[in-house]
Amino acid sequence: MKTTFKTIAIAVMVAMSTLSFAGKNGEKAEKAVSAELAVRIVAVDEASVAVIFAKLEGEEVKVKIYDAYGALVHTEKETEGTSFTKKFDISALPAGDYTYMVANDLYSVKKVIAKN
């Protein structure tokens, strides 16, 4: 039977979809992590960018925005709910390329959007 890289990768993702770590007094605590992040980062208009993603309840997902020089201009983390939709007002930012990064413990998605 031939095992492909894709089959192995899927098996690893399923196995790692829930990570365990030691909690207080040595008991095990479960930390839910999405097997994959479905993220949309879109320029809505000249003055705003929308970041949208689905996640597991209680999962920590971080949103970071960097300017063209790699300086962090915004950061936040979301742990509540199962979805995130936020429109970022970029009207006060200078023109240039901005990198939007959304990440959990296993995956990250980034997209560069130019502001004119």
PDB file of N, CA and C in Angstrom:
ATOM      1  N   MET A   1       0.843  -1.183   0.000  1.00  0.00           N
ATOM      2  CA  MET A   1       0.000   0.000   0.000  1.00  0.00           C
ATOM      3  C   MET A   1       0.885   1.243   0.000  1.00  0.00           C
ATOM      4  N   LYS A   2       0.634   2.144  -0.909  1.00  0.00           N
ATOM      5  CA  LYS A   2       1.442   3.337  -1.072  1.00  0.00           C
ATOM      6  C   LYS A   2       0.914   4.461  -0.182  1.00  0.00           C
ATOM      7  N   THR A   3       1.786   5.044   0.647  1.00  0.00           N
ATOM      8  CA  THR A   3       1.401   6.145   1.517  1.00  0.00           C
ATOM      9  C   THR A   3       1.950   7.431   0.913  1.00  0.00           C
ATOM     10  N   THR A   4       1.098   8.387   0.696  1.00  0.00           N
ATOM     11  CA  THR A   4       1.537   9.645   0.105  1.00  0.00           C
ATOM     12  C   THR A   4       1.802  10.681   1.187  1.00  0.00           C
ATOM     13  N   PHE A   5       2.566  11.680   0.802  1.00  0.00           N
ATOM     14  CA  PHE A   5       2.861  12.772   1.718  1.00  0.00           C
ATOM     15  C   PHE A   5       1.575  13.459   2.169  1.00  0.00           C
ATOM     16  N   LYS A   6       0.615  13.622   1.246  1.00  0.00           N
ATOM     17  CA  LYS A   6      -0.649  14.279   1.579  1.00  0.00           C
ATOM     18  C   LYS A   6      -1.407  13.498   2.651  1.00  0.00           C
ATOM     19  N   THR A   7      -1.424  12.166   2.552  1.00  0.00           N
ATOM     20  CA  THR A   7      -2.102  11.332   3.537  1.00  0.00           C
ATOM     21  C   THR A   7      -1.452  11.480   4.904  1.00  0.00           C
ATOM     22  N   ILE A   8      -0.131  11.487   4.928  1.00  0.00           N
ATOM     23  CA  ILE A   8       0.601  11.650   6.196  1.00  0.00           C
ATOM     24  C   ILE A   8       0.333  13.027   6.777  1.00  0.00           C
ATOM     25  N   ALA A   9       0.355  14.066   5.937  1.00  0.00           N
ATOM     26  CA  ALA A   9       0.115  15.430   6.415  1.00  0.00           C
ATOM     27  C   ALA A   9      -1.276  15.568   7.021  1.00  0.00           C
ATOM     28  N   ILE A  10      -2.280  14.964   6.378  1.00  0.00           N
ATOM     29  CA  ILE A  10      -3.641  15.023   6.911  1.00  0.00           C
ATOM     30  C   ILE A  10      -3.721  14.308   8.250  1.00  0.00           C
ATOM     31  N   ALA A  11      -3.065  13.148   8.363  1.00  0.00           N
ATOM     32  CA  ALA A  11      -3.066  12.399   9.625  1.00  0.00           C
ATOM     33  C   ALA A  11      -2.410  13.209  10.738  1.00  0.00           C
ATOM     34  N   VAL A  12      -1.330  13.903  10.429  1.00  0.00           N
ATOM     35  CA  VAL A  12      -0.645  14.728  11.430  1.00  0.00           C
ATOM     36  C   VAL A  12      -1.533  15.889  11.849  1.00  0.00           C
ATOM     37  N   MET A  13      -2.228  16.527  10.893  1.00  0.00           N
ATOM     38  CA  MET A  13      -3.113  17.647  11.228  1.00  0.00           C
ATOM     39  C   MET A  13      -4.250  17.197  12.135  1.00  0.00           C
ATOM     40  N   VAL A  14      -4.815  16.036  11.850  1.00  0.00           N
ATOM     41  CA  VAL A  14      -5.901  15.517  12.690  1.00  0.00           C
ATOM     42  C   VAL A  14      -5.383  15.212  14.081  1.00  0.00           C
ATOM     43  N   ALA A  15      -4.215  14.591  14.160  1.00  0.00           N
ATOM     44  CA  ALA A  15      -3.644  14.235  15.461  1.00  0.00           C
ATOM     45  C   ALA A  15      -3.300  15.469  16.280  1.00  0.00           C
ATOM     46  N   MET A  16      -2.901  16.555  15.616  1.00  0.00           N
ATOM     47  CA  MET A  16      -2.478  17.755  16.329  1.00  0.00           C
ATOM     48  C   MET A  16      -3.603  18.761  16.506  1.00  0.00           C
ATOM     49  N   SER A  17      -4.806  18.436  16.066  1.00  0.00           N
ATOM     50  CA  SER A  17      -5.895  19.408  16.159  1.00  0.00           C
ATOM     51  C   SER A  17      -6.263  19.734  17.596  1.00  0.00           C
ATOM     52  N   THR A  18      -5.896  18.878  18.537  1.00  0.00           N
ATOM     53  CA  THR A  18      -6.067  19.175  19.949  1.00  0.00           C
ATOM     54  C   THR A  18      -4.742  18.932  20.640  1.00  0.00           C
ATOM     55  N   LEU A  19      -4.165  19.977  21.205  1.00  0.00           N
ATOM     56  CA  LEU A  19      -2.902  19.863  21.918  1.00  0.00           C
ATOM     57  C   LEU A  19      -3.173  19.716  23.402  1.00  0.00           C
ATOM     58  N   SER A  20      -2.365  18.916  24.082  1.00  0.00           N
ATOM     59  CA  SER A  20      -2.497  18.752  25.527  1.00  0.00           C
ATOM     60  C   SER A  20      -1.286  19.355  26.219  1.00  0.00           C
ATOM     61  N   PHE A  21      -1.507  19.893  27.393  1.00  0.00           N
ATOM     62  CA  PHE A  21      -0.406  20.384  28.199  1.00  0.00           C
ATOM     63  C   PHE A  21      -0.802  20.258  29.663  1.00  0.00           C
ATOM     64  N   ALA A  22       0.205  20.274  30.537  1.00  0.00           N
ATOM     65  CA  ALA A  22      -0.061  20.098  31.969  1.00  0.00           C
ATOM     66  C   ALA A  22      -0.647  21.374  32.554  1.00  0.00           C
ATOM     67  N   GLY A  23      -1.673  21.250  33.335  1.00  0.00           N
ATOM     68  CA  GLY A  23      -2.307  22.380  33.986  1.00  0.00           C
ATOM     69  C   GLY A  23      -1.891  22.441  35.442  1.00  0.00           C
ATOM     70  N   LYS A  24      -2.684  23.088  36.289  1.00  0.00           N
ATOM     71  CA  LYS A  24      -2.413  23.182  37.716  1.00  0.00           C
ATOM     72  C   LYS A  24      -2.397  21.792  38.335  1.00  0.00           C
ATOM     73  N   ASN A  25      -1.571  21.607  39.319  1.00  0.00           N
ATOM     74  CA  ASN A  25      -1.474  20.361  40.078  1.00  0.00           C
ATOM     75  C   ASN A  25      -1.229  19.141  39.187  1.00  0.00           C
ATOM     76  N   GLY A  26      -0.654  19.332  38.004  1.00  0.00           N
ATOM     77  CA  GLY A  26      -0.295  18.219  37.143  1.00  0.00           C
ATOM     78  C   GLY A  26      -1.430  17.623  36.331  1.00  0.00           C
ATOM     79  N   GLU A  27      -2.680  18.097  36.495  1.00  0.00           N
ATOM     80  CA  GLU A  27      -3.757  17.523  35.701  1.00  0.00           C
ATOM     81  C   GLU A  27      -3.625  17.996  34.256  1.00  0.00           C
ATOM     82  N   LYS A  28      -4.138  17.206  33.336  1.00  0.00           N
ATOM     83  CA  LYS A  28      -4.046  17.560  31.926  1.00  0.00           C
ATOM     84  C   LYS A  28      -5.170  18.510  31.562  1.00  0.00           C
ATOM     85  N   ALA A  29      -4.821  19.501  30.787  1.00  0.00           N
ATOM     86  CA  ALA A  29      -5.810  20.435  30.280  1.00  0.00           C
ATOM     87  C   ALA A  29      -5.771  20.369  28.755  1.00  0.00           C
ATOM     88  N   GLU A  30      -6.897  20.491  28.141  1.00  0.00           N
ATOM     89  CA  GLU A  30      -6.985  20.447  26.687  1.00  0.00           C
ATOM     90  C   GLU A  30      -6.986  21.868  26.135  1.00  0.00           C
ATOM     91  N   LYS A  31      -6.237  22.049  25.080  1.00  0.00           N
ATOM     92  CA  LYS A  31      -6.221  23.331  24.400  1.00  0.00           C
ATOM     93  C   LYS A  31      -6.625  23.084  22.958  1.00  0.00           C
ATOM     94  N   ALA A  32      -7.770  23.577  22.575  1.00  0.00           N
ATOM     95  CA  ALA A  32      -8.279  23.349  21.224  1.00  0.00           C
ATOM     96  C   ALA A  32      -7.582  24.280  20.238  1.00  0.00           C
ATOM     97  N   VAL A  33      -7.161  23.719  19.116  1.00  0.00           N
ATOM     98  CA  VAL A  33      -6.513  24.488  18.067  1.00  0.00           C
ATOM     99  C   VAL A  33      -7.103  24.053  16.729  1.00  0.00           C
ATOM    100  N   SER A  34      -7.498  25.006  15.921  1.00  0.00           N
ATOM    101  CA  SER A  34      -8.062  24.685  14.607  1.00  0.00           C
ATOM    102  C   SER A  34      -7.051  23.937  13.760  1.00  0.00           C
ATOM    103  N   ALA A  35      -7.529  22.956  13.004  1.00  0.00           N
ATOM    104  CA  ALA A  35      -6.660  22.204  12.106  1.00  0.00           C
ATOM    105  C   ALA A  35      -6.177  23.085  10.961  1.00  0.00           C
ATOM    106  N   GLU A  36      -6.925  24.115  10.652  1.00  0.00           N
ATOM    107  CA  GLU A  36      -6.558  25.041   9.585  1.00  0.00           C
ATOM    108  C   GLU A  36      -7.290  26.346   9.828  1.00  0.00           C
ATOM    109  N   LEU A  37      -6.651  27.453   9.499  1.00  0.00           N
ATOM    110  CA  LEU A  37      -7.307  28.749   9.640  1.00  0.00           C
ATOM    111  C   LEU A  37      -7.874  29.177   8.293  1.00  0.00           C
ATOM    112  N   ALA A  38      -9.164  29.422   8.255  1.00  0.00           N
ATOM    113  CA  ALA A  38      -9.805  29.943   7.051  1.00  0.00           C
ATOM    114  C   ALA A  38      -9.927  31.450   7.244  1.00  0.00           C
ATOM    115  N   VAL A  39      -9.026  32.179   6.630  1.00  0.00           N
ATOM    116  CA  VAL A  39      -8.923  33.624   6.856  1.00  0.00           C
ATOM    117  C   VAL A  39      -9.165  34.372   5.549  1.00  0.00           C
ATOM    118  N   ARG A  40      -9.903  35.460   5.657  1.00  0.00           N
ATOM    119  CA  ARG A  40     -10.070  36.385   4.526  1.00  0.00           C
ATOM    120  C   ARG A  40      -9.585  37.750   4.981  1.00  0.00           C
ATOM    121  N   ILE A  41      -8.680  38.335   4.209  1.00  0.00           N
ATOM    122  CA  ILE A  41      -8.169  39.676   4.467  1.00  0.00           C
ATOM    123  C   ILE A  41      -8.383  40.452   3.171  1.00  0.00           C
ATOM    124  N   VAL A  42      -9.281  41.444   3.213  1.00  0.00           N
ATOM    125  CA  VAL A  42      -9.656  42.150   1.985  1.00  0.00           C
ATOM    126  C   VAL A  42      -9.708  43.656   2.192  1.00  0.00           C
ATOM    127  N   ALA A  43      -9.263  44.383   1.175  1.00  0.00           N
ATOM    128  CA  ALA A  43      -9.408  45.836   1.178  1.00  0.00           C
ATOM    129  C   ALA A  43     -10.858  46.139   0.847  1.00  0.00           C
ATOM    130  N   VAL A  44     -11.554  46.787   1.761  1.00  0.00           N
ATOM    131  CA  VAL A  44     -12.968  47.112   1.563  1.00  0.00           C
ATOM    132  C   VAL A  44     -13.085  48.347   0.673  1.00  0.00           C
ATOM    133  N   ASP A  45     -12.293  49.347   0.983  1.00  0.00           N
ATOM    134  CA  ASP A  45     -12.224  50.578   0.208  1.00  0.00           C
ATOM    135  C   ASP A  45     -10.878  51.221   0.503  1.00  0.00           C
ATOM    136  N   GLU A  46     -10.690  52.475   0.111  1.00  0.00           N
ATOM    137  CA  GLU A  46      -9.402  53.145   0.319  1.00  0.00           C
ATOM    138  C   GLU A  46      -9.082  53.381   1.790  1.00  0.00           C
ATOM    139  N   ALA A  47     -10.097  53.345   2.644  1.00  0.00           N
ATOM    140  CA  ALA A  47      -9.905  53.696   4.044  1.00  0.00           C
ATOM    141  C   ALA A  47     -10.036  52.536   5.015  1.00  0.00           C
ATOM    142  N   SER A  48     -10.309  51.313   4.517  1.00  0.00           N
ATOM    143  CA  SER A  48     -10.482  50.217   5.472  1.00  0.00           C
ATOM    144  C   SER A  48     -10.131  48.852   4.876  1.00  0.00           C
ATOM    145  N   VAL A  49      -9.730  47.963   5.783  1.00  0.00           N
ATOM    146  CA  VAL A  49      -9.402  46.573   5.453  1.00  0.00           C
ATOM    147  C   VAL A  49     -10.172  45.693   6.422  1.00  0.00           C
ATOM    148  N   ALA A  50     -10.785  44.629   5.911  1.00  0.00           N
ATOM    149  CA  ALA A  50     -11.542  43.697   6.750  1.00  0.00           C
ATOM    150  C   ALA A  50     -10.735  42.413   6.951  1.00  0.00           C
ATOM    151  N   VAL A  51     -10.742  41.931   8.198  1.00  0.00           N
ATOM    152  CA  VAL A  51     -10.135  40.648   8.546  1.00  0.00           C
ATOM    153  C   VAL A  51     -11.251  39.769   9.087  1.00  0.00           C
ATOM    154  N   ILE A  52     -11.408  38.587   8.488  1.00  0.00           N
ATOM    155  CA  ILE A  52     -12.500  37.674   8.841  1.00  0.00           C
ATOM    156  C   ILE A  52     -11.933  36.266   8.972  1.00  0.00           C
ATOM    157  N   PHE A  53     -12.282  35.573  10.060  1.00  0.00           N
ATOM    158  CA  PHE A  53     -11.880  34.171  10.182  1.00  0.00           C
ATOM    159  C   PHE A  53     -12.793  33.421  11.132  1.00  0.00           C
ATOM    160  N   ALA A  54     -12.800  32.098  10.991  1.00  0.00           N
ATOM    161  CA  ALA A  54     -13.536  31.211  11.889  1.00  0.00           C
ATOM    162  C   ALA A  54     -12.519  30.481  12.750  1.00  0.00           C
ATOM    163  N   LYS A  55     -12.903  30.171  13.983  1.00  0.00           N
ATOM    164  CA  LYS A  55     -11.995  29.493  14.912  1.00  0.00           C
ATOM    165  C   LYS A  55     -12.794  28.659  15.894  1.00  0.00           C
ATOM    166  N   LEU A  56     -12.103  27.900  16.706  1.00  0.00           N
ATOM    167  CA  LEU A  56     -12.755  27.108  17.742  1.00  0.00           C
ATOM    168  C   LEU A  56     -13.023  27.973  18.969  1.00  0.00           C
ATOM    169  N   GLU A  57     -14.057  27.657  19.724  1.00  0.00           N
ATOM    170  CA  GLU A  57     -14.370  28.364  20.973  1.00  0.00           C
ATOM    171  C   GLU A  57     -13.173  28.256  21.919  1.00  0.00           C
ATOM    172  N   GLY A  58     -12.725  29.385  22.462  1.00  0.00           N
ATOM    173  CA  GLY A  58     -11.623  29.400  23.418  1.00  0.00           C
ATOM    174  C   GLY A  58     -10.244  29.405  22.792  1.00  0.00           C
ATOM    175  N   GLU A  59     -10.157  29.182  21.497  1.00  0.00           N
ATOM    176  CA  GLU A  59      -8.863  29.185  20.819  1.00  0.00           C
ATOM    177  C   GLU A  59      -8.321  30.607  20.745  1.00  0.00           C
ATOM    178  N   GLU A  60      -7.022  30.753  20.954  1.00  0.00           N
ATOM    179  CA  GLU A  60      -6.396  32.065  20.855  1.00  0.00           C
ATOM    180  C   GLU A  60      -5.851  32.272  19.451  1.00  0.00           C
ATOM    181  N   VAL A  61      -6.329  33.318  18.801  1.00  0.00           N
ATOM    182  CA  VAL A  61      -5.853  33.689  17.478  1.00  0.00           C
ATOM    183  C   VAL A  61      -5.380  35.140  17.554  1.00  0.00           C
ATOM    184  N   LYS A  62      -4.189  35.399  17.019  1.00  0.00           N
ATOM    185  CA  LYS A  62      -3.610  36.739  17.068  1.00  0.00           C
ATOM    186  C   LYS A  62      -3.697  37.398  15.697  1.00  0.00           C
ATOM    187  N   VAL A  63      -3.995  38.690  15.712  1.00  0.00           N
ATOM    188  CA  VAL A  63      -4.006  39.505  14.502  1.00  0.00           C
ATOM    189  C   VAL A  63      -2.937  40.570  14.683  1.00  0.00           C
ATOM    190  N   LYS A  64      -2.007  40.637  13.716  1.00  0.00           N
ATOM    191  CA  LYS A  64      -0.946  41.639  13.770  1.00  0.00           C
ATOM    192  C   LYS A  64      -0.869  42.343  12.428  1.00  0.00           C
ATOM    193  N   ILE A  65      -0.563  43.639  12.479  1.00  0.00           N
ATOM    194  CA  ILE A  65      -0.406  44.429  11.266  1.00  0.00           C
ATOM    195  C   ILE A  65       0.966  45.112  11.331  1.00  0.00           C
ATOM    196  N   TYR A  66       1.734  44.942  10.238  1.00  0.00           N
ATOM    197  CA  TYR A  66       3.074  45.517  10.142  1.00  0.00           C
ATOM    198  C   TYR A  66       3.122  46.509   8.986  1.00  0.00           C
ATOM    199  N   ASP A  67       3.926  47.567   9.150  1.00  0.00           N
ATOM    200  CA  ASP A  67       4.096  48.515   8.051  1.00  0.00           C
ATOM    201  C   ASP A  67       5.167  48.010   7.079  1.00  0.00           C
ATOM    202  N   ALA A  68       5.472  48.803   6.069  1.00  0.00           N
ATOM    203  CA  ALA A  68       6.424  48.409   5.027  1.00  0.00           C
ATOM    204  C   ALA A  68       7.835  48.187   5.568  1.00  0.00           C
ATOM    205  N   TYR A  69       8.140  48.737   6.732  1.00  0.00           N
ATOM    206  CA  TYR A  69       9.469  48.596   7.332  1.00  0.00           C
ATOM    207  C   TYR A  69       9.540  47.450   8.330  1.00  0.00           C
ATOM    208  N   GLY A  70       8.428  46.754   8.513  1.00  0.00           N
ATOM    209  CA  GLY A  70       8.385  45.635   9.456  1.00  0.00           C
ATOM    210  C   GLY A  70       8.041  46.028  10.874  1.00  0.00           C
ATOM    211  N   ALA A  71       7.695  47.289  11.083  1.00  0.00           N
ATOM    212  CA  ALA A  71       7.306  47.754  12.423  1.00  0.00           C
ATOM    213  C   ALA A  71       5.859  47.338  12.696  1.00  0.00           C
ATOM    214  N   LEU A  72       5.611  46.825  13.893  1.00  0.00           N
ATOM    215  CA  LEU A  72       4.272  46.421  14.307  1.00  0.00           C
ATOM    216  C   LEU A  72       3.429  47.664  14.568  1.00  0.00           C
ATOM    217  N   VAL A  73       2.316  47.822  13.838  1.00  0.00           N
ATOM    218  CA  VAL A  73       1.454  48.996  14.019  1.00  0.00           C
ATOM    219  C   VAL A  73       0.169  48.661  14.761  1.00  0.00           C
ATOM    220  N   HIS A  74      -0.185  47.359  14.832  1.00  0.00           N
ATOM    221  CA  HIS A  74      -1.383  46.949  15.564  1.00  0.00           C
ATOM    222  C   HIS A  74      -1.266  45.482  15.935  1.00  0.00           C
ATOM    223  N   THR A  75      -1.741  45.133  17.130  1.00  0.00           N
ATOM    224  CA  THR A  75      -1.809  43.733  17.539  1.00  0.00           C
ATOM    225  C   THR A  75      -3.016  43.543  18.449  1.00  0.00           C
ATOM    226  N   GLU A  76      -3.633  42.398  18.331  1.00  0.00           N
ATOM    227  CA  GLU A  76      -4.716  42.018  19.245  1.00  0.00           C
ATOM    228  C   GLU A  76      -4.862  40.510  19.201  1.00  0.00           C
ATOM    229  N   LYS A  77      -5.451  39.959  20.259  1.00  0.00           N
ATOM    230  CA  LYS A  77      -5.730  38.533  20.251  1.00  0.00           C
ATOM    231  C   LYS A  77      -7.186  38.300  20.573  1.00  0.00           C
ATOM    232  N   GLU A  78      -7.720  37.275  19.957  1.00  0.00           N
ATOM    233  CA  GLU A  78      -9.134  36.946  20.104  1.00  0.00           C
ATOM    234  C   GLU A  78      -9.250  35.534  20.669  1.00  0.00           C
ATOM    235  N   THR A  79      -9.979  35.387  21.776  1.00  0.00           N
ATOM    236  CA  THR A  79     -10.222  34.064  22.349  1.00  0.00           C
ATOM    237  C   THR A  79     -11.715  33.770  22.488  1.00  0.00           C
ATOM    238  N   GLU A  80     -12.533  34.782  22.388  1.00  0.00           N
ATOM    239  CA  GLU A  80     -13.977  34.610  22.555  1.00  0.00           C
ATOM    240  C   GLU A  80     -14.643  34.214  21.242  1.00  0.00           C
ATOM    241  N   GLY A  81     -15.703  33.441  21.345  1.00  0.00           N
ATOM    242  CA  GLY A  81     -16.518  33.122  20.176  1.00  0.00           C
ATOM    243  C   GLY A  81     -15.861  32.175  19.191  1.00  0.00           C
ATOM    244  N   THR A  82     -16.534  32.005  18.059  1.00  0.00           N
ATOM    245  CA  THR A  82     -16.041  31.105  17.024  1.00  0.00           C
ATOM    246  C   THR A  82     -15.806  31.823  15.702  1.00  0.00           C
ATOM    247  N   SER A  83     -16.016  33.128  15.695  1.00  0.00           N
ATOM    248  CA  SER A  83     -15.743  33.877  14.474  1.00  0.00           C
ATOM    249  C   SER A  83     -15.230  35.266  14.831  1.00  0.00           C
ATOM    250  N   PHE A  84     -14.541  35.862  13.875  1.00  0.00           N
ATOM    251  CA  PHE A  84     -13.959  37.183  14.074  1.00  0.00           C
ATOM    252  C   PHE A  84     -14.173  37.962  12.782  1.00  0.00           C
ATOM    253  N   THR A  85     -14.760  39.122  12.899  1.00  0.00           N
ATOM    254  CA  THR A  85     -14.920  40.021  11.761  1.00  0.00           C
ATOM    255  C   THR A  85     -14.618  41.423  12.271  1.00  0.00           C
ATOM    256  N   LYS A  86     -13.608  42.026  11.682  1.00  0.00           N
ATOM    257  CA  LYS A  86     -13.261  43.383  12.113  1.00  0.00           C
ATOM    258  C   LYS A  86     -12.819  44.188  10.907  1.00  0.00           C
ATOM    259  N   LYS A  87     -13.310  45.414  10.862  1.00  0.00           N
ATOM    260  CA  LYS A  87     -12.935  46.350   9.816  1.00  0.00           C
ATOM    261  C   LYS A  87     -11.925  47.326  10.424  1.00  0.00           C
ATOM    262  N   PHE A  88     -10.724  47.351   9.871  1.00  0.00           N
ATOM    263  CA  PHE A  88      -9.678  48.231  10.363  1.00  0.00           C
ATOM    264  C   PHE A  88      -9.677  49.530   9.566  1.00  0.00           C
ATOM    265  N   ASP A  89      -9.745  50.655  10.279  1.00  0.00           N
ATOM    266  CA  ASP A  89      -9.702  51.977   9.646  1.00  0.00           C
ATOM    267  C   ASP A  89      -8.237  52.318   9.391  1.00  0.00           C
ATOM    268  N   ILE A  90      -7.863  52.412   8.124  1.00  0.00           N
ATOM    269  CA  ILE A  90      -6.466  52.699   7.782  1.00  0.00           C
ATOM    270  C   ILE A  90      -6.302  54.102   7.197  1.00  0.00           C
ATOM    271  N   SER A  91      -7.342  54.917   7.310  1.00  0.00           N
ATOM    272  CA  SER A  91      -7.325  56.250   6.697  1.00  0.00           C
ATOM    273  C   SER A  91      -6.213  57.143   7.261  1.00  0.00           C
ATOM    274  N   ALA A  92      -5.850  56.976   8.516  1.00  0.00           N
ATOM    275  CA  ALA A  92      -4.814  57.820   9.125  1.00  0.00           C
ATOM    276  C   ALA A  92      -3.396  57.306   8.877  1.00  0.00           C
ATOM    277  N   LEU A  93      -3.267  56.108   8.307  1.00  0.00           N
ATOM    278  CA  LEU A  93      -1.934  55.544   8.057  1.00  0.00           C
ATOM    279  C   LEU A  93      -1.342  56.123   6.779  1.00  0.00           C
ATOM    280  N   PRO A  94      -0.011  56.290   6.749  1.00  0.00           N
ATOM    281  CA  PRO A  94       0.619  56.780   5.518  1.00  0.00           C
ATOM    282  C   PRO A  94       0.543  55.725   4.409  1.00  0.00           C
ATOM    283  N   ALA A  95       0.697  56.168   3.172  1.00  0.00           N
ATOM    284  CA  ALA A  95       0.681  55.249   2.034  1.00  0.00           C
ATOM    285  C   ALA A  95       1.829  54.255   2.162  1.00  0.00           C
ATOM    286  N   GLY A  96       1.590  53.043   1.661  1.00  0.00           N
ATOM    287  CA  GLY A  96       2.622  52.007   1.703  1.00  0.00           C
ATOM    288  C   GLY A  96       1.999  50.632   1.782  1.00  0.00           C
ATOM    289  N   ASP A  97       2.852  49.626   1.830  1.00  0.00           N
ATOM    290  CA  ASP A  97       2.400  48.245   1.950  1.00  0.00           C
ATOM    291  C   ASP A  97       2.282  47.860   3.415  1.00  0.00           C
ATOM    292  N   TYR A  98       1.180  47.194   3.764  1.00  0.00           N
ATOM    293  CA  TYR A  98       0.952  46.729   5.129  1.00  0.00           C
ATOM    294  C   TYR A  98       0.722  45.224   5.099  1.00  0.00           C
ATOM    295  N   THR A  99       1.386  44.518   6.012  1.00  0.00           N
ATOM    296  CA  THR A  99       1.255  43.070   6.101  1.00  0.00           C
ATOM    297  C   THR A  99       0.307  42.741   7.235  1.00  0.00           C
ATOM    298  N   TYR A 100      -0.748  41.991   6.917  1.00  0.00           N
ATOM    299  CA  TYR A 100      -1.736  41.542   7.894  1.00  0.00           C
ATOM    300  C   TYR A 100      -1.451  40.079   8.169  1.00  0.00           C
ATOM    301  N   MET A 101      -1.242  39.713   9.446  1.00  0.00           N
ATOM    302  CA  MET A 101      -0.950  38.335   9.795  1.00  0.00           C
ATOM    303  C   MET A 101      -1.949  37.852  10.845  1.00  0.00           C
ATOM    304  N   VAL A 102      -2.538  36.684  10.589  1.00  0.00           N
ATOM    305  CA  VAL A 102      -3.478  36.045  11.507  1.00  0.00           C
ATOM    306  C   VAL A 102      -2.892  34.681  11.828  1.00  0.00           C
ATOM    307  N   ALA A 103      -2.753  34.354  13.136  1.00  0.00           N
ATOM    308  CA  ALA A 103      -2.084  33.104  13.493  1.00  0.00           C
ATOM    309  C   ALA A 103      -2.665  32.478  14.752  1.00  0.00           C
ATOM    310  N   ASN A 104      -2.685  31.147  14.771  1.00  0.00           N
ATOM    311  CA  ASN A 104      -2.950  30.394  15.995  1.00  0.00           C
ATOM    312  C   ASN A 104      -1.664  29.652  16.334  1.00  0.00           C
ATOM    313  N   ASP A 105      -1.708  28.620  17.181  1.00  0.00           N
ATOM    314  CA  ASP A 105      -0.498  27.912  17.580  1.00  0.00           C
ATOM    315  C   ASP A 105       0.123  27.077  16.466  1.00  0.00           C
ATOM    316  N   LEU A 106      -0.639  26.753  15.426  1.00  0.00           N
ATOM    317  CA  LEU A 106      -0.131  25.873  14.375  1.00  0.00           C
ATOM    318  C   LEU A 106       0.019  26.533  13.010  1.00  0.00           C
ATOM    319  N   TYR A 107      -0.804  27.511  12.719  1.00  0.00           N
ATOM    320  CA  TYR A 107      -0.849  28.072  11.380  1.00  0.00           C
ATOM    321  C   TYR A 107      -0.805  29.584  11.417  1.00  0.00           C
ATOM    322  N   SER A 108      -0.312  30.149  10.316  1.00  0.00           N
ATOM    323  CA  SER A 108      -0.417  31.598  10.159  1.00  0.00           C
ATOM    324  C   SER A 108      -0.744  31.900   8.703  1.00  0.00           C
ATOM    325  N   VAL A 109      -1.500  32.959   8.531  1.00  0.00           N
ATOM    326  CA  VAL A 109      -1.893  33.418   7.209  1.00  0.00           C
ATOM    327  C   VAL A 109      -1.493  34.885   7.144  1.00  0.00           C
ATOM    328  N   LYS A 110      -0.814  35.268   6.051  1.00  0.00           N
ATOM    329  CA  LYS A 110      -0.488  36.682   5.928  1.00  0.00           C
ATOM    330  C   LYS A 110      -0.767  37.168   4.518  1.00  0.00           C
ATOM    331  N   LYS A 111      -1.096  38.457   4.464  1.00  0.00           N
ATOM    332  CA  LYS A 111      -1.402  39.070   3.186  1.00  0.00           C
ATOM    333  C   LYS A 111      -0.915  40.512   3.223  1.00  0.00           C
ATOM    334  N   VAL A 112      -0.320  40.934   2.132  1.00  0.00           N
ATOM    335  CA  VAL A 112       0.149  42.305   2.014  1.00  0.00           C
ATOM    336  C   VAL A 112      -0.886  43.089   1.211  1.00  0.00           C
ATOM    337  N   ILE A 113      -1.292  44.228   1.782  1.00  0.00           N
ATOM    338  CA  ILE A 113      -2.246  45.117   1.104  1.00  0.00           C
ATOM    339  C   ILE A 113      -1.622  46.504   1.015  1.00  0.00           C
ATOM    340  N   ALA A 114      -1.631  47.063  -0.179  1.00  0.00           N
ATOM    341  CA  ALA A 114      -1.076  48.379  -0.403  1.00  0.00           C
ATOM    342  C   ALA A 114      -2.118  49.450  -0.096  1.00  0.00           C
ATOM    343  N   LYS A 115      -1.676  50.484   0.611  1.00  0.00           N
ATOM    344  CA  LYS A 115      -2.533  51.653   0.854  1.00  0.00           C
ATOM    345  C   LYS A 115      -1.971  52.787   0.024  1.00  0.00           C
ATOM    346  N   ASN A 116      -2.828  53.381  -0.791  1.00  0.00           N
ATOM    347  CA  ASN A 116      -2.391  54.482  -1.662  1.00  0.00           C
ATOM    348  C   ASN A 116      -2.590  55.814  -0.991  1.00  0.00           C
TER     349      ASN A 116
END
